[in-house]
Amino acid sequence: SEGAVGGYWGLFDADRQDKGILEG
């Protein structure tokens, strides 16, 4: 419903892996 951008606001990815948003 929101295009690609809608699926990528997470601090962790959909596999629950750390995206490095909060630290490091």
mmCIF file of all heavy atoms, coordinates in Angstrom:
data_MODEL
# 
_entry.id   MODEL 
# 
loop_
_atom_site.group_PDB 
_atom_site.id 
_atom_site.type_symbol 
_atom_site.label_atom_id 
_atom_site.label_alt_id 
_atom_site.label_comp_id 
_atom_site.label_asym_id 
_atom_site.label_entity_id 
_atom_site.label_seq_id 
_atom_site.pdbx_PDB_ins_code 
_atom_site.Cartn_x 
_atom_site.Cartn_y 
_atom_site.Cartn_z 
_atom_site.occupancy 
_atom_site.B_iso_or_equiv 
_atom_site.pdbx_formal_charge 
_atom_site.auth_seq_id 
_atom_site.auth_comp_id 
_atom_site.auth_asym_id 
_atom_site.auth_atom_id 
_atom_site.pdbx_PDB_model_num 
ATOM 1   N N   . SER A 1 1  ? 0.797  -1.220  0.000  1.00 0.00 ? 1  SER A N   1 
ATOM 2   C CA  . SER A 1 1  ? 0.000  0.000   0.000  1.00 0.00 ? 1  SER A CA  1 
ATOM 3   C C   . SER A 1 1  ? 0.834  1.276   0.000  1.00 0.00 ? 1  SER A C   1 
ATOM 4   O O   . SER A 1 1  ? 0.345  2.340   -0.383 1.00 0.00 ? 1  SER A O   1 
ATOM 5   C CB  . SER A 1 1  ? -0.933 0.023   1.218  1.00 0.00 ? 1  SER A CB  1 
ATOM 6   O OG  . SER A 1 1  ? -0.183 -0.083  2.420  1.00 0.00 ? 1  SER A OG  1 
ATOM 7   N N   . GLU A 1 2  ? 2.108  1.184   0.413  1.00 0.00 ? 2  GLU A N   1 
ATOM 8   C CA  . GLU A 1 2  ? 2.935  2.384   0.541  1.00 0.00 ? 2  GLU A CA  1 
ATOM 9   C C   . GLU A 1 2  ? 4.173  2.355   -0.345 1.00 0.00 ? 2  GLU A C   1 
ATOM 10  O O   . GLU A 1 2  ? 5.033  3.232   -0.240 1.00 0.00 ? 2  GLU A O   1 
ATOM 11  C CB  . GLU A 1 2  ? 3.370  2.563   1.999  1.00 0.00 ? 2  GLU A CB  1 
ATOM 12  C CG  . GLU A 1 2  ? 2.211  2.731   2.966  1.00 0.00 ? 2  GLU A CG  1 
ATOM 13  C CD  . GLU A 1 2  ? 2.669  2.855   4.412  1.00 0.00 ? 2  GLU A CD  1 
ATOM 14  O OE1 . GLU A 1 2  ? 3.890  3.064   4.628  1.00 0.00 ? 2  GLU A OE1 1 
ATOM 15  O OE2 . GLU A 1 2  ? 1.830  2.750   5.315  1.00 0.00 ? 2  GLU A OE2 1 
ATOM 16  N N   . GLY A 1 3  ? 4.293  1.359   -1.212 1.00 0.00 ? 3  GLY A N   1 
ATOM 17  C CA  . GLY A 1 3  ? 5.513  1.233   -1.987 1.00 0.00 ? 3  GLY A CA  1 
ATOM 18  C C   . GLY A 1 3  ? 6.644  0.689   -1.131 1.00 0.00 ? 3  GLY A C   1 
ATOM 19  O O   . GLY A 1 3  ? 6.475  0.370   0.048  1.00 0.00 ? 3  GLY A O   1 
ATOM 20  N N   . ALA A 1 4  ? 7.823  0.596   -1.737 1.00 0.00 ? 4  ALA A N   1 
ATOM 21  C CA  . ALA A 1 4  ? 8.958  -0.021  -1.044 1.00 0.00 ? 4  ALA A CA  1 
ATOM 22  C C   . ALA A 1 4  ? 9.235  0.628   0.298  1.00 0.00 ? 4  ALA A C   1 
ATOM 23  O O   . ALA A 1 4  ? 9.525  -0.053  1.290  1.00 0.00 ? 4  ALA A O   1 
ATOM 24  C CB  . ALA A 1 4  ? 10.205 0.054   -1.924 1.00 0.00 ? 4  ALA A CB  1 
ATOM 25  N N   . VAL A 1 5  ? 9.111  1.951   0.365  1.00 0.00 ? 5  VAL A N   1 
ATOM 26  C CA  . VAL A 1 5  ? 9.489  2.665   1.582  1.00 0.00 ? 5  VAL A CA  1 
ATOM 27  C C   . VAL A 1 5  ? 8.651  2.233   2.778  1.00 0.00 ? 5  VAL A C   1 
ATOM 28  O O   . VAL A 1 5  ? 9.119  2.249   3.919  1.00 0.00 ? 5  VAL A O   1 
ATOM 29  C CB  . VAL A 1 5  ? 9.372  4.195   1.338  1.00 0.00 ? 5  VAL A CB  1 
ATOM 30  C CG1 . VAL A 1 5  ? 7.914  4.622   1.240  1.00 0.00 ? 5  VAL A CG1 1 
ATOM 31  C CG2 . VAL A 1 5  ? 10.084 4.978   2.416  1.00 0.00 ? 5  VAL A CG2 1 
ATOM 32  N N   . GLY A 1 6  ? 7.404  1.801   2.544  1.00 0.00 ? 6  GLY A N   1 
ATOM 33  C CA  . GLY A 1 6  ? 6.539  1.433   3.650  1.00 0.00 ? 6  GLY A CA  1 
ATOM 34  C C   . GLY A 1 6  ? 7.029  0.248   4.445  1.00 0.00 ? 6  GLY A C   1 
ATOM 35  O O   . GLY A 1 6  ? 6.696  0.107   5.633  1.00 0.00 ? 6  GLY A O   1 
ATOM 36  N N   . GLY A 1 7  ? 7.821  -0.610  3.841  1.00 0.00 ? 7  GLY A N   1 
ATOM 37  C CA  . GLY A 1 7  ? 8.281  -1.807  4.523  1.00 0.00 ? 7  GLY A CA  1 
ATOM 38  C C   . GLY A 1 7  ? 9.580  -1.672  5.273  1.00 0.00 ? 7  GLY A C   1 
ATOM 39  O O   . GLY A 1 7  ? 10.075 -2.672  5.815  1.00 0.00 ? 7  GLY A O   1 
ATOM 40  N N   . TYR A 1 8  ? 10.134 -0.446  5.360  1.00 0.00 ? 8  TYR A N   1 
ATOM 41  C CA  . TYR A 1 8  ? 11.496 -0.318  5.891  1.00 0.00 ? 8  TYR A CA  1 
ATOM 42  C C   . TYR A 1 8  ? 11.643 0.828   6.897  1.00 0.00 ? 8  TYR A C   1 
ATOM 43  O O   . TYR A 1 8  ? 12.554 1.633   6.819  1.00 0.00 ? 8  TYR A O   1 
ATOM 44  C CB  . TYR A 1 8  ? 12.475 -0.120  4.733  1.00 0.00 ? 8  TYR A CB  1 
ATOM 45  C CG  . TYR A 1 8  ? 12.559 -1.314  3.821  1.00 0.00 ? 8  TYR A CG  1 
ATOM 46  C CD1 . TYR A 1 8  ? 11.854 -1.353  2.625  1.00 0.00 ? 8  TYR A CD1 1 
ATOM 47  C CD2 . TYR A 1 8  ? 13.297 -2.437  4.174  1.00 0.00 ? 8  TYR A CD2 1 
ATOM 48  C CE1 . TYR A 1 8  ? 11.909 -2.457  1.793  1.00 0.00 ? 8  TYR A CE1 1 
ATOM 49  C CE2 . TYR A 1 8  ? 13.357 -3.552  3.354  1.00 0.00 ? 8  TYR A CE2 1 
ATOM 50  C CZ  . TYR A 1 8  ? 12.660 -3.551  2.162  1.00 0.00 ? 8  TYR A CZ  1 
ATOM 51  O OH  . TYR A 1 8  ? 12.709 -4.661  1.341  1.00 0.00 ? 8  TYR A OH  1 
ATOM 52  N N   . TRP A 1 9  ? 10.743 0.857   7.872  1.00 0.00 ? 9  TRP A N   1 
ATOM 53  C CA  . TRP A 1 9  ? 10.854 1.842   8.948  1.00 0.00 ? 9  TRP A CA  1 
ATOM 54  C C   . TRP A 1 9  ? 11.358 1.204   10.244 1.00 0.00 ? 9  TRP A C   1 
ATOM 55  O O   . TRP A 1 9  ? 11.450 1.873   11.274 1.00 0.00 ? 9  TRP A O   1 
ATOM 56  C CB  . TRP A 1 9  ? 9.501  2.503   9.203  1.00 0.00 ? 9  TRP A CB  1 
ATOM 57  C CG  . TRP A 1 9  ? 9.072  3.423   8.112  1.00 0.00 ? 9  TRP A CG  1 
ATOM 58  C CD1 . TRP A 1 9  ? 8.572  3.077   6.889  1.00 0.00 ? 9  TRP A CD1 1 
ATOM 59  C CD2 . TRP A 1 9  ? 9.112  4.852   8.125  1.00 0.00 ? 9  TRP A CD2 1 
ATOM 60  N NE1 . TRP A 1 9  ? 8.299  4.202   6.147  1.00 0.00 ? 9  TRP A NE1 1 
ATOM 61  C CE2 . TRP A 1 9  ? 8.618  5.297   6.884  1.00 0.00 ? 9  TRP A CE2 1 
ATOM 62  C CE3 . TRP A 1 9  ? 9.510  5.790   9.066  1.00 0.00 ? 9  TRP A CE3 1 
ATOM 63  C CZ2 . TRP A 1 9  ? 8.516  6.655   6.562  1.00 0.00 ? 9  TRP A CZ2 1 
ATOM 64  C CZ3 . TRP A 1 9  ? 9.407  7.141   8.759  1.00 0.00 ? 9  TRP A CZ3 1 
ATOM 65  C CH2 . TRP A 1 9  ? 8.922  7.559   7.521  1.00 0.00 ? 9  TRP A CH2 1 
ATOM 66  N N   . GLY A 1 10 ? 11.680 -0.067  10.208 1.00 0.00 ? 10 GLY A N   1 
ATOM 67  C CA  . GLY A 1 10 ? 12.029 -0.776  11.422 1.00 0.00 ? 10 GLY A CA  1 
ATOM 68  C C   . GLY A 1 10 ? 13.419 -0.460  11.946 1.00 0.00 ? 10 GLY A C   1 
ATOM 69  O O   . GLY A 1 10 ? 14.333 -0.108  11.189 1.00 0.00 ? 10 GLY A O   1 
ATOM 70  N N   . LEU A 1 11 ? 13.573 -0.618  13.253 1.00 0.00 ? 11 LEU A N   1 
ATOM 71  C CA  . LEU A 1 11 ? 14.890 -0.542  13.877 1.00 0.00 ? 11 LEU A CA  1 
ATOM 72  C C   . LEU A 1 11 ? 15.620 -1.872  13.714 1.00 0.00 ? 11 LEU A C   1 
ATOM 73  O O   . LEU A 1 11 ? 16.844 -1.928  13.764 1.00 0.00 ? 11 LEU A O   1 
ATOM 74  C CB  . LEU A 1 11 ? 14.744 -0.194  15.359 1.00 0.00 ? 11 LEU A CB  1 
ATOM 75  C CG  . LEU A 1 11 ? 13.946 1.092   15.639 1.00 0.00 ? 11 LEU A CG  1 
ATOM 76  C CD1 . LEU A 1 11 ? 13.680 1.240   17.126 1.00 0.00 ? 11 LEU A CD1 1 
ATOM 77  C CD2 . LEU A 1 11 ? 14.663 2.308   15.092 1.00 0.00 ? 11 LEU A CD2 1 
ATOM 78  N N   . PHE A 1 12 ? 14.839 -2.943  13.527 1.00 0.00 ? 12 PHE A N   1 
ATOM 79  C CA  . PHE A 1 12 ? 15.351 -4.263  13.183 1.00 0.00 ? 12 PHE A CA  1 
ATOM 80  C C   . PHE A 1 12 ? 14.673 -4.665  11.870 1.00 0.00 ? 12 PHE A C   1 
ATOM 81  O O   . PHE A 1 12 ? 13.579 -4.193  11.560 1.00 0.00 ? 12 PHE A O   1 
ATOM 82  C CB  . PHE A 1 12 ? 15.029 -5.290  14.276 1.00 0.00 ? 12 PHE A CB  1 
ATOM 83  C CG  . PHE A 1 12 ? 15.627 -4.967  15.620 1.00 0.00 ? 12 PHE A CG  1 
ATOM 84  C CD1 . PHE A 1 12 ? 14.973 -4.136  16.505 1.00 0.00 ? 12 PHE A CD1 1 
ATOM 85  C CD2 . PHE A 1 12 ? 16.848 -5.502  15.989 1.00 0.00 ? 12 PHE A CD2 1 
ATOM 86  C CE1 . PHE A 1 12 ? 15.511 -3.832  17.747 1.00 0.00 ? 12 PHE A CE1 1 
ATOM 87  C CE2 . PHE A 1 12 ? 17.409 -5.209  17.228 1.00 0.00 ? 12 PHE A CE2 1 
ATOM 88  C CZ  . PHE A 1 12 ? 16.750 -4.367  18.110 1.00 0.00 ? 12 PHE A CZ  1 
ATOM 89  N N   . ASP A 1 13 ? 15.307 -5.547  11.110 1.00 0.00 ? 13 ASP A N   1 
ATOM 90  C CA  . ASP A 1 13 ? 14.691 -5.941  9.846  1.00 0.00 ? 13 ASP A CA  1 
ATOM 91  C C   . ASP A 1 13 ? 13.607 -6.997  10.086 1.00 0.00 ? 13 ASP A C   1 
ATOM 92  O O   . ASP A 1 13 ? 13.338 -7.397  11.225 1.00 0.00 ? 13 ASP A O   1 
ATOM 93  C CB  . ASP A 1 13 ? 15.741 -6.396  8.828  1.00 0.00 ? 13 ASP A CB  1 
ATOM 94  C CG  . ASP A 1 13 ? 16.430 -7.709  9.190  1.00 0.00 ? 13 ASP A CG  1 
ATOM 95  O OD1 . ASP A 1 13 ? 15.877 -8.491  10.005 1.00 0.00 ? 13 ASP A OD1 1 
ATOM 96  O OD2 . ASP A 1 13 ? 17.521 -7.968  8.653  1.00 0.00 ? 13 ASP A OD2 1 
ATOM 97  N N   . ALA A 1 14 ? 12.979 -7.447  9.016  1.00 0.00 ? 14 ALA A N   1 
ATOM 98  C CA  . ALA A 1 14 ? 11.852 -8.377  9.154  1.00 0.00 ? 14 ALA A CA  1 
ATOM 99  C C   . ALA A 1 14 ? 12.286 -9.730  9.690  1.00 0.00 ? 14 ALA A C   1 
ATOM 100 O O   . ALA A 1 14 ? 11.448 -10.482 10.203 1.00 0.00 ? 14 ALA A O   1 
ATOM 101 C CB  . ALA A 1 14 ? 11.155 -8.542  7.808  1.00 0.00 ? 14 ALA A CB  1 
ATOM 102 N N   . ASP A 1 15 ? 13.574 -10.055 9.596  1.00 0.00 ? 15 ASP A N   1 
ATOM 103 C CA  . ASP A 1 15 ? 14.111 -11.288 10.171 1.00 0.00 ? 15 ASP A CA  1 
ATOM 104 C C   . ASP A 1 15 ? 14.580 -11.096 11.602 1.00 0.00 ? 15 ASP A C   1 
ATOM 105 O O   . ASP A 1 15 ? 15.222 -11.973 12.179 1.00 0.00 ? 15 ASP A O   1 
ATOM 106 C CB  . ASP A 1 15 ? 15.267 -11.803 9.318  1.00 0.00 ? 15 ASP A CB  1 
ATOM 107 C CG  . ASP A 1 15 ? 14.803 -12.287 7.956  1.00 0.00 ? 15 ASP A CG  1 
ATOM 108 O OD1 . ASP A 1 15 ? 13.811 -13.045 7.911  1.00 0.00 ? 15 ASP A OD1 1 
ATOM 109 O OD2 . ASP A 1 15 ? 15.422 -11.907 6.945  1.00 0.00 ? 15 ASP A OD2 1 
ATOM 110 N N   . ARG A 1 16 ? 14.286 -9.905  12.154 1.00 0.00 ? 16 ARG A N   1 
ATOM 111 C CA  . ARG A 1 16 ? 14.653 -9.543  13.529 1.00 0.00 ? 16 ARG A CA  1 
ATOM 112 C C   . ARG A 1 16 ? 16.157 -9.390  13.694 1.00 0.00 ? 16 ARG A C   1 
ATOM 113 O O   . ARG A 1 16 ? 16.700 -9.524  14.807 1.00 0.00 ? 16 ARG A O   1 
ATOM 114 C CB  . ARG A 1 16 ? 14.122 -10.566 14.537 1.00 0.00 ? 16 ARG A CB  1 
ATOM 115 C CG  . ARG A 1 16 ? 12.659 -10.413 14.951 1.00 0.00 ? 16 ARG A CG  1 
ATOM 116 C CD  . ARG A 1 16 ? 11.691 -10.218 13.845 1.00 0.00 ? 16 ARG A CD  1 
ATOM 117 N NE  . ARG A 1 16 ? 10.323 -10.053 14.354 1.00 0.00 ? 16 ARG A NE  1 
ATOM 118 C CZ  . ARG A 1 16 ? 9.275  -9.802  13.582 1.00 0.00 ? 16 ARG A CZ  1 
ATOM 119 N NH1 . ARG A 1 16 ? 9.418  -9.677  12.270 1.00 0.00 ? 16 ARG A NH1 1 
ATOM 120 N NH2 . ARG A 1 16 ? 8.070  -9.648  14.113 1.00 0.00 ? 16 ARG A NH2 1 
ATOM 121 N N   . GLN A 1 17 ? 16.848 -9.071  12.605 1.00 0.00 ? 17 GLN A N   1 
ATOM 122 C CA  . GLN A 1 17 ? 18.281 -8.795  12.675 1.00 0.00 ? 17 GLN A CA  1 
ATOM 123 C C   . GLN A 1 17 ? 18.514 -7.302  12.887 1.00 0.00 ? 17 GLN A C   1 
ATOM 124 O O   . GLN A 1 17 ? 17.804 -6.467  12.333 1.00 0.00 ? 17 GLN A O   1 
ATOM 125 C CB  . GLN A 1 17 ? 18.974 -9.262  11.390 1.00 0.00 ? 17 GLN A CB  1 
ATOM 126 C CG  . GLN A 1 17 ? 18.854 -10.751 11.130 1.00 0.00 ? 17 GLN A CG  1 
ATOM 127 C CD  . GLN A 1 17 ? 19.442 -11.575 12.246 1.00 0.00 ? 17 GLN A CD  1 
ATOM 128 O OE1 . GLN A 1 17 ? 20.603 -11.411 12.617 1.00 0.00 ? 17 GLN A OE1 1 
ATOM 129 N NE2 . GLN A 1 17 ? 18.637 -12.482 12.798 1.00 0.00 ? 17 GLN A NE2 1 
ATOM 130 N N   . ASP A 1 18 ? 19.513 -6.977  13.674 1.00 0.00 ? 18 ASP A N   1 
ATOM 131 C CA  . ASP A 1 18 ? 19.825 -5.589  13.989 1.00 0.00 ? 18 ASP A CA  1 
ATOM 132 C C   . ASP A 1 18 ? 20.299 -4.848  12.742 1.00 0.00 ? 18 ASP A C   1 
ATOM 133 O O   . ASP A 1 18 ? 21.214 -5.294  12.044 1.00 0.00 ? 18 ASP A O   1 
ATOM 134 C CB  . ASP A 1 18 ? 20.914 -5.557  15.063 1.00 0.00 ? 18 ASP A CB  1 
ATOM 135 C CG  . ASP A 1 18 ? 21.114 -4.176  15.656 1.00 0.00 ? 18 ASP A CG  1 
ATOM 136 O OD1 . ASP A 1 18 ? 20.509 -3.212  15.159 1.00 0.00 ? 18 ASP A OD1 1 
ATOM 137 O OD2 . ASP A 1 18 ? 21.885 -4.063  16.623 1.00 0.00 ? 18 ASP A OD2 1 
ATOM 138 N N   . LYS A 1 19 ? 19.687 -3.719  12.435 1.00 0.00 ? 19 LYS A N   1 
ATOM 139 C CA  . LYS A 1 19 ? 20.088 -2.896  11.289 1.00 0.00 ? 19 LYS A CA  1 
ATOM 140 C C   . LYS A 1 19 ? 21.159 -1.872  11.660 1.00 0.00 ? 19 LYS A C   1 
ATOM 141 O O   . LYS A 1 19 ? 21.599 -1.103  10.807 1.00 0.00 ? 19 LYS A O   1 
ATOM 142 C CB  . LYS A 1 19 ? 18.863 -2.181  10.707 1.00 0.00 ? 19 LYS A CB  1 
ATOM 143 C CG  . LYS A 1 19 ? 17.870 -3.122  10.029 1.00 0.00 ? 19 LYS A CG  1 
ATOM 144 C CD  . LYS A 1 19 ? 16.509 -2.497  9.817  1.00 0.00 ? 19 LYS A CD  1 
ATOM 145 C CE  . LYS A 1 19 ? 16.529 -1.289  8.915  1.00 0.00 ? 19 LYS A CE  1 
ATOM 146 N NZ  . LYS A 1 19 ? 15.154 -0.776  8.648  1.00 0.00 ? 19 LYS A NZ  1 
ATOM 147 N N   . GLY A 1 20 ? 21.564 -1.855  12.916 1.00 0.00 ? 20 GLY A N   1 
ATOM 148 C CA  . GLY A 1 20 ? 22.581 -0.897  13.342 1.00 0.00 ? 20 GLY A CA  1 
ATOM 149 C C   . GLY A 1 20 ? 22.037 0.500   13.543 1.00 0.00 ? 20 GLY A C   1 
ATOM 150 O O   . GLY A 1 20 ? 22.803 1.468   13.524 1.00 0.00 ? 20 GLY A O   1 
ATOM 151 N N   . ILE A 1 21 ? 20.733 0.638   13.755 1.00 0.00 ? 21 ILE A N   1 
ATOM 152 C CA  . ILE A 1 21 ? 20.119 1.957   13.850 1.00 0.00 ? 21 ILE A CA  1 
ATOM 153 C C   . ILE A 1 21 ? 20.385 2.604   15.205 1.00 0.00 ? 21 ILE A C   1 
ATOM 154 O O   . ILE A 1 21 ? 20.571 3.814   15.289 1.00 0.00 ? 21 ILE A O   1 
ATOM 155 C CB  . ILE A 1 21 ? 18.604 1.862   13.596 1.00 0.00 ? 21 ILE A CB  1 
ATOM 156 C CG1 . ILE A 1 21 ? 18.321 1.191   12.244 1.00 0.00 ? 21 ILE A CG1 1 
ATOM 157 C CG2 . ILE A 1 21 ? 17.965 3.236   13.658 1.00 0.00 ? 21 ILE A CG2 1 
ATOM 158 C CD1 . ILE A 1 21 ? 18.962 1.887   11.062 1.00 0.00 ? 21 ILE A CD1 1 
ATOM 159 N N   . LEU A 1 22 ? 20.434 1.822   16.266 1.00 0.00 ? 22 LEU A N   1 
ATOM 160 C CA  . LEU A 1 22 ? 20.507 2.380   17.613 1.00 0.00 ? 22 LEU A CA  1 
ATOM 161 C C   . LEU A 1 22 ? 21.918 2.481   18.171 1.00 0.00 ? 22 LEU A C   1 
ATOM 162 O O   . LEU A 1 22 ? 22.193 3.369   18.977 1.00 0.00 ? 22 LEU A O   1 
ATOM 163 C CB  . LEU A 1 22 ? 19.660 1.535   18.572 1.00 0.00 ? 22 LEU A CB  1 
ATOM 164 C CG  . LEU A 1 22 ? 18.158 1.470   18.259 1.00 0.00 ? 22 LEU A CG  1 
ATOM 165 C CD1 . LEU A 1 22 ? 17.460 0.533   19.227 1.00 0.00 ? 22 LEU A CD1 1 
ATOM 166 C CD2 . LEU A 1 22 ? 17.537 2.857   18.293 1.00 0.00 ? 22 LEU A CD2 1 
ATOM 167 N N   . GLU A 1 23 ? 22.790 1.610   17.761 1.00 0.00 ? 23 GLU A N   1 
ATOM 168 C CA  . GLU A 1 23 ? 24.141 1.647   18.307 1.00 0.00 ? 23 GLU A CA  1 
ATOM 169 C C   . GLU A 1 23 ? 25.119 0.992   17.344 1.00 0.00 ? 23 GLU A C   1 
ATOM 170 O O   . GLU A 1 23 ? 24.742 0.195   16.481 1.00 0.00 ? 23 GLU A O   1 
ATOM 171 C CB  . GLU A 1 23 ? 24.187 0.928   19.656 1.00 0.00 ? 23 GLU A CB  1 
ATOM 172 C CG  . GLU A 1 23 ? 23.809 -0.535  19.611 1.00 0.00 ? 23 GLU A CG  1 
ATOM 173 C CD  . GLU A 1 23 ? 23.917 -1.214  20.964 1.00 0.00 ? 23 GLU A CD  1 
ATOM 174 O OE1 . GLU A 1 23 ? 24.807 -0.829  21.748 1.00 0.00 ? 23 GLU A OE1 1 
ATOM 175 O OE2 . GLU A 1 23 ? 23.113 -2.116  21.237 1.00 0.00 ? 23 GLU A OE2 1 
ATOM 176 N N   . GLY A 1 24 ? 26.394 1.355   17.502 1.00 0.00 ? 24 GLY A N   1 
ATOM 177 C CA  . GLY A 1 24 ? 27.443 0.784   16.674 1.00 0.00 ? 24 GLY A CA  1 
ATOM 178 C C   . GLY A 1 24 ? 27.502 1.406   15.286 1.00 0.00 ? 24 GLY A C   1 
ATOM 179 O O   . GLY A 1 24 ? 26.696 2.265   14.937 1.00 0.00 ? 24 GLY A O   1 
# 
